[in-house]
Amino acid sequence: ATLFTVEDLFSEAGAHYEIPIYQRNYSWR
C-alpha cells in the first residue's frame, strides 16, 4: 500500500491502469 496524491498517481511514467473485462462500464452520473 502506497499513499499518492492525484498528481503523483497520474504522473507515474509507464503506468497503465487497465479496467478488466469483468468490470462493468463506467456508470457514475
PDB file of all heavy atoms in Angstrom:
ATOM      1  N   ALA A   1       0.838  -1.201   0.000  1.00  0.00           N
ATOM      2  CA  ALA A   1       0.000   0.000   0.000  1.00  0.00           C
ATOM      3  C   ALA A   1       0.871   1.249   0.000  1.00  0.00           C
ATOM      4  O   ALA A   1       1.785   1.386   0.824  1.00  0.00           O
ATOM      5  CB  ALA A   1      -0.925   0.007   1.207  1.00  0.00           C
ATOM      6  N   THR A   2       0.584   2.157  -0.923  1.00  0.00           N
ATOM      7  CA  THR A   2       1.348   3.403  -1.045  1.00  0.00           C
ATOM      8  C   THR A   2       0.382   4.580  -1.162  1.00  0.00           C
ATOM      9  O   THR A   2      -0.599   4.512  -1.905  1.00  0.00           O
ATOM     10  CB  THR A   2       2.251   3.376  -2.297  1.00  0.00           C
ATOM     11  OG1 THR A   2       3.053   2.189  -2.281  1.00  0.00           O
ATOM     12  CG2 THR A   2       3.152   4.596  -2.333  1.00  0.00           C
ATOM     13  N   LEU A   3       0.677   5.650  -0.423  1.00  0.00           N
ATOM     14  CA  LEU A   3      -0.148   6.856  -0.472  1.00  0.00           C
ATOM     15  C   LEU A   3       0.320   7.751  -1.614  1.00  0.00           C
ATOM     16  O   LEU A   3       1.503   8.070  -1.723  1.00  0.00           O
ATOM     17  CB  LEU A   3      -0.062   7.611   0.860  1.00  0.00           C
ATOM     18  CG  LEU A   3      -0.932   8.861   0.995  1.00  0.00           C
ATOM     19  CD1 LEU A   3      -2.408   8.492   1.008  1.00  0.00           C
ATOM     20  CD2 LEU A   3      -0.565   9.627   2.266  1.00  0.00           C
ATOM     21  N   PHE A   4      -0.601   8.144  -2.472  1.00  0.00           N
ATOM     22  CA  PHE A   4      -0.299   9.015  -3.611  1.00  0.00           C
ATOM     23  C   PHE A   4      -1.194  10.250  -3.567  1.00  0.00           C
ATOM     24  O   PHE A   4      -2.360  10.176  -3.160  1.00  0.00           O
ATOM     25  CB  PHE A   4      -0.593   8.306  -4.941  1.00  0.00           C
ATOM     26  CG  PHE A   4       0.378   7.219  -5.316  1.00  0.00           C
ATOM     27  CD1 PHE A   4       0.176   5.910  -4.901  1.00  0.00           C
ATOM     28  CD2 PHE A   4       1.484   7.499  -6.101  1.00  0.00           C
ATOM     29  CE1 PHE A   4       1.049   4.897  -5.254  1.00  0.00           C
ATOM     30  CE2 PHE A   4       2.371   6.498  -6.470  1.00  0.00           C
ATOM     31  CZ  PHE A   4       2.157   5.195  -6.043  1.00  0.00           C
ATOM     32  N   THR A   5      -0.664  11.385  -4.031  1.00  0.00           N
ATOM     33  CA  THR A   5      -1.546  12.475  -4.420  1.00  0.00           C
ATOM     34  C   THR A   5      -2.080  12.140  -5.807  1.00  0.00           C
ATOM     35  O   THR A   5      -1.536  11.279  -6.511  1.00  0.00           O
ATOM     36  CB  THR A   5      -0.803  13.817  -4.464  1.00  0.00           C
ATOM     37  OG1 THR A   5       0.201  13.762  -5.495  1.00  0.00           O
ATOM     38  CG2 THR A   5      -0.163  14.144  -3.124  1.00  0.00           C
ATOM     39  N   VAL A   6      -3.138  12.814  -6.222  1.00  0.00           N
ATOM     40  CA  VAL A   6      -3.668  12.593  -7.568  1.00  0.00           C
ATOM     41  C   VAL A   6      -2.601  12.903  -8.607  1.00  0.00           C
ATOM     42  O   VAL A   6      -2.448  12.185  -9.602  1.00  0.00           O
ATOM     43  CB  VAL A   6      -4.930  13.450  -7.801  1.00  0.00           C
ATOM     44  CG1 VAL A   6      -5.331  13.449  -9.272  1.00  0.00           C
ATOM     45  CG2 VAL A   6      -6.077  12.940  -6.943  1.00  0.00           C
ATOM     46  N   GLU A   7      -1.840  13.954  -8.354  1.00  0.00           N
ATOM     47  CA  GLU A   7      -0.778  14.332  -9.285  1.00  0.00           C
ATOM     48  C   GLU A   7       0.250  13.217  -9.426  1.00  0.00           C
ATOM     49  O   GLU A   7       0.641  12.837 -10.531  1.00  0.00           O
ATOM     50  CB  GLU A   7      -0.108  15.618  -8.799  1.00  0.00           C
ATOM     51  CG  GLU A   7       0.980  16.135  -9.729  1.00  0.00           C
ATOM     52  CD  GLU A   7       1.557  17.447  -9.231  1.00  0.00           C
ATOM     53  OE1 GLU A   7       1.687  17.615  -7.991  1.00  0.00           O
ATOM     54  OE2 GLU A   7       1.867  18.311 -10.064  1.00  0.00           O
ATOM     55  N   ASP A   8       0.702  12.658  -8.293  1.00  0.00           N
ATOM     56  CA  ASP A   8       1.711  11.598  -8.328  1.00  0.00           C
ATOM     57  C   ASP A   8       1.169  10.332  -8.980  1.00  0.00           C
ATOM     58  O   ASP A   8       1.878   9.649  -9.723  1.00  0.00           O
ATOM     59  CB  ASP A   8       2.195  11.278  -6.910  1.00  0.00           C
ATOM     60  CG  ASP A   8       2.993  12.421  -6.301  1.00  0.00           C
ATOM     61  OD1 ASP A   8       3.491  13.257  -7.072  1.00  0.00           O
ATOM     62  OD2 ASP A   8       3.084  12.483  -5.058  1.00  0.00           O
ATOM     63  N   LEU A   9      -0.097  10.024  -8.693  1.00  0.00           N
ATOM     64  CA  LEU A   9      -0.686   8.798  -9.228  1.00  0.00           C
ATOM     65  C   LEU A   9      -0.706   8.801 -10.748  1.00  0.00           C
ATOM     66  O   LEU A   9      -0.405   7.790 -11.391  1.00  0.00           O
ATOM     67  CB  LEU A   9      -2.112   8.628  -8.684  1.00  0.00           C
ATOM     68  CG  LEU A   9      -2.814   7.313  -9.025  1.00  0.00           C
ATOM     69  CD1 LEU A   9      -2.215   6.163  -8.239  1.00  0.00           C
ATOM     70  CD2 LEU A   9      -4.309   7.422  -8.750  1.00  0.00           C
ATOM     71  N   PHE A  10      -1.046   9.955 -11.325  1.00  0.00           N
ATOM     72  CA  PHE A  10      -1.173  10.032 -12.778  1.00  0.00           C
ATOM     73  C   PHE A  10       0.109  10.536 -13.456  1.00  0.00           C
ATOM     74  O   PHE A  10       0.141  10.664 -14.674  1.00  0.00           O
ATOM     75  CB  PHE A  10      -2.345  10.936 -13.162  1.00  0.00           C
ATOM     76  CG  PHE A  10      -3.687  10.304 -12.936  1.00  0.00           C
ATOM     77  CD1 PHE A  10      -4.390  10.525 -11.765  1.00  0.00           C
ATOM     78  CD2 PHE A  10      -4.243   9.465 -13.894  1.00  0.00           C
ATOM     79  CE1 PHE A  10      -5.626   9.940 -11.556  1.00  0.00           C
ATOM     80  CE2 PHE A  10      -5.477   8.872 -13.692  1.00  0.00           C
ATOM     81  CZ  PHE A  10      -6.171   9.103 -12.522  1.00  0.00           C
ATOM     82  N   SER A  11       1.147  10.816 -12.659  1.00  0.00           N
ATOM     83  CA  SER A  11       2.409  11.274 -13.238  1.00  0.00           C
ATOM     84  C   SER A  11       3.426  10.146 -13.356  1.00  0.00           C
ATOM     85  O   SER A  11       4.555  10.374 -13.778  1.00  0.00           O
ATOM     86  CB  SER A  11       3.013  12.400 -12.382  1.00  0.00           C
ATOM     87  OG  SER A  11       2.169  13.517 -12.374  1.00  0.00           O
ATOM     88  N   GLU A  12       3.044   8.958 -12.964  1.00  0.00           N
ATOM     89  CA  GLU A  12       3.959   7.818 -12.983  1.00  0.00           C
ATOM     90  C   GLU A  12       4.150   7.344 -14.422  1.00  0.00           C
ATOM     91  O   GLU A  12       3.258   6.725 -15.016  1.00  0.00           O
ATOM     92  CB  GLU A  12       3.411   6.694 -12.105  1.00  0.00           C
ATOM     93  CG  GLU A  12       4.374   5.545 -11.925  1.00  0.00           C
ATOM     94  CD  GLU A  12       3.801   4.467 -11.004  1.00  0.00           C
ATOM     95  OE1 GLU A  12       2.664   4.628 -10.533  1.00  0.00           O
ATOM     96  OE2 GLU A  12       4.495   3.461 -10.787  1.00  0.00           O
ATOM     97  N   ALA A  13       5.307   7.639 -14.982  1.00  0.00           N
ATOM     98  CA  ALA A  13       5.572   7.277 -16.376  1.00  0.00           C
ATOM     99  C   ALA A  13       5.556   5.762 -16.542  1.00  0.00           C
ATOM    100  O   ALA A  13       6.095   5.023 -15.716  1.00  0.00           O
ATOM    101  CB  ALA A  13       6.923   7.844 -16.810  1.00  0.00           C
ATOM    102  N   GLY A  14       4.918   5.307 -17.618  1.00  0.00           N
ATOM    103  CA  GLY A  14       4.881   3.883 -17.922  1.00  0.00           C
ATOM    104  C   GLY A  14       3.815   3.112 -17.186  1.00  0.00           C
ATOM    105  O   GLY A  14       3.695   1.893 -17.356  1.00  0.00           O
ATOM    106  N   ALA A  15       3.030   3.788 -16.347  1.00  0.00           N
ATOM    107  CA  ALA A  15       1.971   3.096 -15.609  1.00  0.00           C
ATOM    108  C   ALA A  15       0.699   3.050 -16.449  1.00  0.00           C
ATOM    109  O   ALA A  15       0.234   4.078 -16.946  1.00  0.00           O
ATOM    110  CB  ALA A  15       1.704   3.794 -14.286  1.00  0.00           C
ATOM    111  N   HIS A  16       0.158   1.876 -16.607  1.00  0.00           N
ATOM    112  CA  HIS A  16      -1.108   1.680 -17.306  1.00  0.00           C
ATOM    113  C   HIS A  16      -2.118   1.099 -16.326  1.00  0.00           C
ATOM    114  O   HIS A  16      -1.862   0.054 -15.721  1.00  0.00           O
ATOM    115  CB  HIS A  16      -0.937   0.723 -18.496  1.00  0.00           C
ATOM    116  CG  HIS A  16      -0.169   1.300 -19.630  1.00  0.00           C
ATOM    117  ND1 HIS A  16      -0.026   0.659 -20.839  1.00  0.00           N
ATOM    118  CD2 HIS A  16       0.503   2.476 -19.758  1.00  0.00           C
ATOM    119  CE1 HIS A  16       0.702   1.400 -21.655  1.00  0.00           C
ATOM    120  NE2 HIS A  16       1.031   2.510 -21.015  1.00  0.00           N
ATOM    121  N   TYR A  17      -3.246   1.782 -16.170  1.00  0.00           N
ATOM    122  CA  TYR A  17      -4.320   1.254 -15.336  1.00  0.00           C
ATOM    123  C   TYR A  17      -5.362   0.632 -16.260  1.00  0.00           C
ATOM    124  O   TYR A  17      -5.959   1.315 -17.100  1.00  0.00           O
ATOM    125  CB  TYR A  17      -4.943   2.363 -14.486  1.00  0.00           C
ATOM    126  CG  TYR A  17      -3.987   2.883 -13.444  1.00  0.00           C
ATOM    127  CD1 TYR A  17      -3.249   4.042 -13.674  1.00  0.00           C
ATOM    128  CD2 TYR A  17      -3.797   2.196 -12.254  1.00  0.00           C
ATOM    129  CE1 TYR A  17      -2.345   4.512 -12.729  1.00  0.00           C
ATOM    130  CE2 TYR A  17      -2.898   2.659 -11.304  1.00  0.00           C
ATOM    131  CZ  TYR A  17      -2.175   3.814 -11.548  1.00  0.00           C
ATOM    132  OH  TYR A  17      -1.278   4.260 -10.607  1.00  0.00           O
ATOM    133  N   GLU A  18      -5.564  -0.663 -16.105  1.00  0.00           N
ATOM    134  CA  GLU A  18      -6.427  -1.414 -17.015  1.00  0.00           C
ATOM    135  C   GLU A  18      -7.697  -1.853 -16.298  1.00  0.00           C
ATOM    136  O   GLU A  18      -7.632  -2.507 -15.253  1.00  0.00           O
ATOM    137  CB  GLU A  18      -5.686  -2.649 -17.537  1.00  0.00           C
ATOM    138  CG  GLU A  18      -6.513  -3.499 -18.492  1.00  0.00           C
ATOM    139  CD  GLU A  18      -5.765  -4.748 -18.925  1.00  0.00           C
ATOM    140  OE1 GLU A  18      -5.808  -5.760 -18.181  1.00  0.00           O
ATOM    141  OE2 GLU A  18      -5.126  -4.700 -19.990  1.00  0.00           O
ATOM    142  N   ILE A  19      -8.840  -1.460 -16.844  1.00  0.00           N
ATOM    143  CA  ILE A  19     -10.130  -1.905 -16.311  1.00  0.00           C
ATOM    144  C   ILE A  19     -10.448  -3.251 -16.959  1.00  0.00           C
ATOM    145  O   ILE A  19     -10.681  -3.315 -18.167  1.00  0.00           O
ATOM    146  CB  ILE A  19     -11.258  -0.894 -16.615  1.00  0.00           C
ATOM    147  CG1 ILE A  19     -10.823   0.532 -16.256  1.00  0.00           C
ATOM    148  CG2 ILE A  19     -12.528  -1.297 -15.887  1.00  0.00           C
ATOM    149  CD1 ILE A  19     -10.467   0.739 -14.816  1.00  0.00           C
ATOM    150  N   PRO A  20     -10.435  -4.341 -16.197  1.00  0.00           N
ATOM    151  CA  PRO A  20     -10.619  -5.670 -16.798  1.00  0.00           C
ATOM    152  C   PRO A  20     -12.017  -5.866 -17.362  1.00  0.00           C
ATOM    153  O   PRO A  20     -12.962  -5.147 -16.999  1.00  0.00           O
ATOM    154  CB  PRO A  20     -10.345  -6.630 -15.634  1.00  0.00           C
ATOM    155  CG  PRO A  20     -10.574  -5.813 -14.399  1.00  0.00           C
ATOM    156  CD  PRO A  20     -10.216  -4.405 -14.741  1.00  0.00           C
ATOM    157  N   ILE A  21     -12.167  -6.830 -18.217  1.00  0.00           N
ATOM    158  CA  ILE A  21     -13.424  -7.053 -18.926  1.00  0.00           C
ATOM    159  C   ILE A  21     -14.559  -7.418 -17.984  1.00  0.00           C
ATOM    160  O   ILE A  21     -15.718  -7.160 -18.270  1.00  0.00           O
ATOM    161  CB  ILE A  21     -13.237  -8.152 -20.011  1.00  0.00           C
ATOM    162  CG1 ILE A  21     -14.465  -8.242 -20.896  1.00  0.00           C
ATOM    163  CG2 ILE A  21     -12.916  -9.488 -19.362  1.00  0.00           C
ATOM    164  CD1 ILE A  21     -14.777  -6.997 -21.676  1.00  0.00           C
ATOM    165  N   TYR A  22     -14.228  -8.032 -16.835  1.00  0.00           N
ATOM    166  CA  TYR A  22     -15.293  -8.434 -15.912  1.00  0.00           C
ATOM    167  C   TYR A  22     -15.849  -7.246 -15.125  1.00  0.00           C
ATOM    168  O   TYR A  22     -16.848  -7.373 -14.433  1.00  0.00           O
ATOM    169  CB  TYR A  22     -14.816  -9.528 -14.951  1.00  0.00           C
ATOM    170  CG  TYR A  22     -13.562  -9.207 -14.180  1.00  0.00           C
ATOM    171  CD1 TYR A  22     -13.587  -8.361 -13.078  1.00  0.00           C
ATOM    172  CD2 TYR A  22     -12.341  -9.763 -14.547  1.00  0.00           C
ATOM    173  CE1 TYR A  22     -12.444  -8.063 -12.375  1.00  0.00           C
ATOM    174  CE2 TYR A  22     -11.176  -9.477 -13.843  1.00  0.00           C
ATOM    175  CZ  TYR A  22     -11.232  -8.634 -12.758  1.00  0.00           C
ATOM    176  OH  TYR A  22     -10.103  -8.340 -12.063  1.00  0.00           O
ATOM    177  N   GLN A  23     -15.198  -6.075 -15.204  1.00  0.00           N
ATOM    178  CA  GLN A  23     -15.731  -4.885 -14.548  1.00  0.00           C
ATOM    179  C   GLN A  23     -16.782  -4.238 -15.456  1.00  0.00           C
ATOM    180  O   GLN A  23     -16.658  -4.253 -16.674  1.00  0.00           O
ATOM    181  CB  GLN A  23     -14.613  -3.875 -14.293  1.00  0.00           C
ATOM    182  CG  GLN A  23     -13.576  -4.350 -13.280  1.00  0.00           C
ATOM    183  CD  GLN A  23     -13.955  -3.974 -11.862  1.00  0.00           C
ATOM    184  OE1 GLN A  23     -15.136  -3.844 -11.544  1.00  0.00           O
ATOM    185  NE2 GLN A  23     -12.975  -3.805 -11.010  1.00  0.00           N
ATOM    186  N   ARG A  24     -17.794  -3.669 -14.840  1.00  0.00           N
ATOM    187  CA  ARG A  24     -18.854  -3.016 -15.607  1.00  0.00           C
ATOM    188  C   ARG A  24     -18.339  -1.739 -16.277  1.00  0.00           C
ATOM    189  O   ARG A  24     -17.279  -1.225 -15.933  1.00  0.00           O
ATOM    190  CB  ARG A  24     -20.033  -2.671 -14.701  1.00  0.00           C
ATOM    191  CG  ARG A  24     -19.669  -1.709 -13.582  1.00  0.00           C
ATOM    192  CD  ARG A  24     -20.856  -1.398 -12.699  1.00  0.00           C
ATOM    193  NE  ARG A  24     -20.447  -0.562 -11.573  1.00  0.00           N
ATOM    194  CZ  ARG A  24     -21.296   0.027 -10.748  1.00  0.00           C
ATOM    195  NH1 ARG A  24     -22.581  -0.120 -10.914  1.00  0.00           N
ATOM    196  NH2 ARG A  24     -20.866   0.762  -9.740  1.00  0.00           N
ATOM    197  N   ASN A  25     -19.119  -1.230 -17.225  1.00  0.00           N
ATOM    198  CA  ASN A  25     -18.777   0.040 -17.864  1.00  0.00           C
ATOM    199  C   ASN A  25     -18.867   1.184 -16.857  1.00  0.00           C
ATOM    200  O   ASN A  25     -19.435   1.037 -15.772  1.00  0.00           O
ATOM    201  CB  ASN A  25     -19.721   0.322 -19.040  1.00  0.00           C
ATOM    202  CG  ASN A  25     -19.347  -0.473 -20.274  1.00  0.00           C
ATOM    203  OD1 ASN A  25     -18.184  -0.770 -20.503  1.00  0.00           O
ATOM    204  ND2 ASN A  25     -20.340  -0.817 -21.073  1.00  0.00           N
ATOM    205  N   TYR A  26     -18.335   2.309 -17.247  1.00  0.00           N
ATOM    206  CA  TYR A  26     -18.420   3.492 -16.394  1.00  0.00           C
ATOM    207  C   TYR A  26     -19.885   3.865 -16.190  1.00  0.00           C
ATOM    208  O   TYR A  26     -20.643   4.012 -17.160  1.00  0.00           O
ATOM    209  CB  TYR A  26     -17.666   4.661 -17.030  1.00  0.00           C
ATOM    210  CG  TYR A  26     -17.668   5.902 -16.171  1.00  0.00           C
ATOM    211  CD1 TYR A  26     -16.877   5.979 -15.033  1.00  0.00           C
ATOM    212  CD2 TYR A  26     -18.475   6.988 -16.483  1.00  0.00           C
ATOM    213  CE1 TYR A  26     -16.873   7.118 -14.231  1.00  0.00           C
ATOM    214  CE2 TYR A  26     -18.481   8.129 -15.696  1.00  0.00           C
ATOM    215  CZ  TYR A  26     -17.681   8.177 -14.567  1.00  0.00           C
ATOM    216  OH  TYR A  26     -17.693   9.297 -13.767  1.00  0.00           O
ATOM    217  N   SER A  27     -20.301   4.034 -14.933  1.00  0.00           N
ATOM    218  CA  SER A  27     -21.729   4.230 -14.663  1.00  0.00           C
ATOM    219  C   SER A  27     -22.032   5.410 -13.754  1.00  0.00           C
ATOM    220  O   SER A  27     -23.191   5.652 -13.428  1.00  0.00           O
ATOM    221  CB  SER A  27     -22.315   2.955 -14.026  1.00  0.00           C
ATOM    222  OG  SER A  27     -21.687   2.679 -12.784  1.00  0.00           O
ATOM    223  N   TRP A  28     -21.020   6.156 -13.303  1.00  0.00           N
ATOM    224  CA  TRP A  28     -21.317   7.293 -12.431  1.00  0.00           C
ATOM    225  C   TRP A  28     -22.090   8.357 -13.192  1.00  0.00           C
ATOM    226  O   TRP A  28     -21.833   8.627 -14.365  1.00  0.00           O
ATOM    227  CB  TRP A  28     -20.032   7.880 -11.880  1.00  0.00           C
ATOM    228  CG  TRP A  28     -19.552   7.190 -10.632  1.00  0.00           C
ATOM    229  CD1 TRP A  28     -19.903   5.957 -10.185  1.00  0.00           C
ATOM    230  CD2 TRP A  28     -18.626   7.717  -9.673  1.00  0.00           C
ATOM    231  NE1 TRP A  28     -19.257   5.661  -9.013  1.00  0.00           N
ATOM    232  CE2 TRP A  28     -18.470   6.737  -8.675  1.00  0.00           C
ATOM    233  CE3 TRP A  28     -17.918   8.901  -9.572  1.00  0.00           C
ATOM    234  CZ2 TRP A  28     -17.625   6.917  -7.573  1.00  0.00           C
ATOM    235  CZ3 TRP A  28     -17.076   9.091  -8.480  1.00  0.00           C
ATOM    236  CH2 TRP A  28     -16.931   8.106  -7.491  1.00  0.00           C
ATOM    237  N   ARG A  29     -23.061   8.968 -12.482  1.00  0.00           N
ATOM    238  CA  ARG A  29     -23.871  10.030 -13.052  1.00  0.00           C
ATOM    239  C   ARG A  29     -23.876  11.223 -12.093  1.00  0.00           C
ATOM    240  O   ARG A  29     -22.989  11.376 -11.285  1.00  0.00           O
ATOM    241  CB  ARG A  29     -25.291   9.509 -13.347  1.00  0.00           C
ATOM    242  CG  ARG A  29     -25.321   8.431 -14.456  1.00  0.00           C
ATOM    243  CD  ARG A  29     -24.867   9.007 -15.792  1.00  0.00           C
ATOM    244  NE  ARG A  29     -24.860   8.016 -16.859  1.00  0.00           N
ATOM    245  CZ  ARG A  29     -23.799   7.341 -17.244  1.00  0.00           C
ATOM    246  NH1 ARG A  29     -22.626   7.517 -16.621  1.00  0.00           N
ATOM    247  NH2 ARG A  29     -23.866   6.484 -18.251  1.00  0.00           N
TER     248      ARG A  29
END
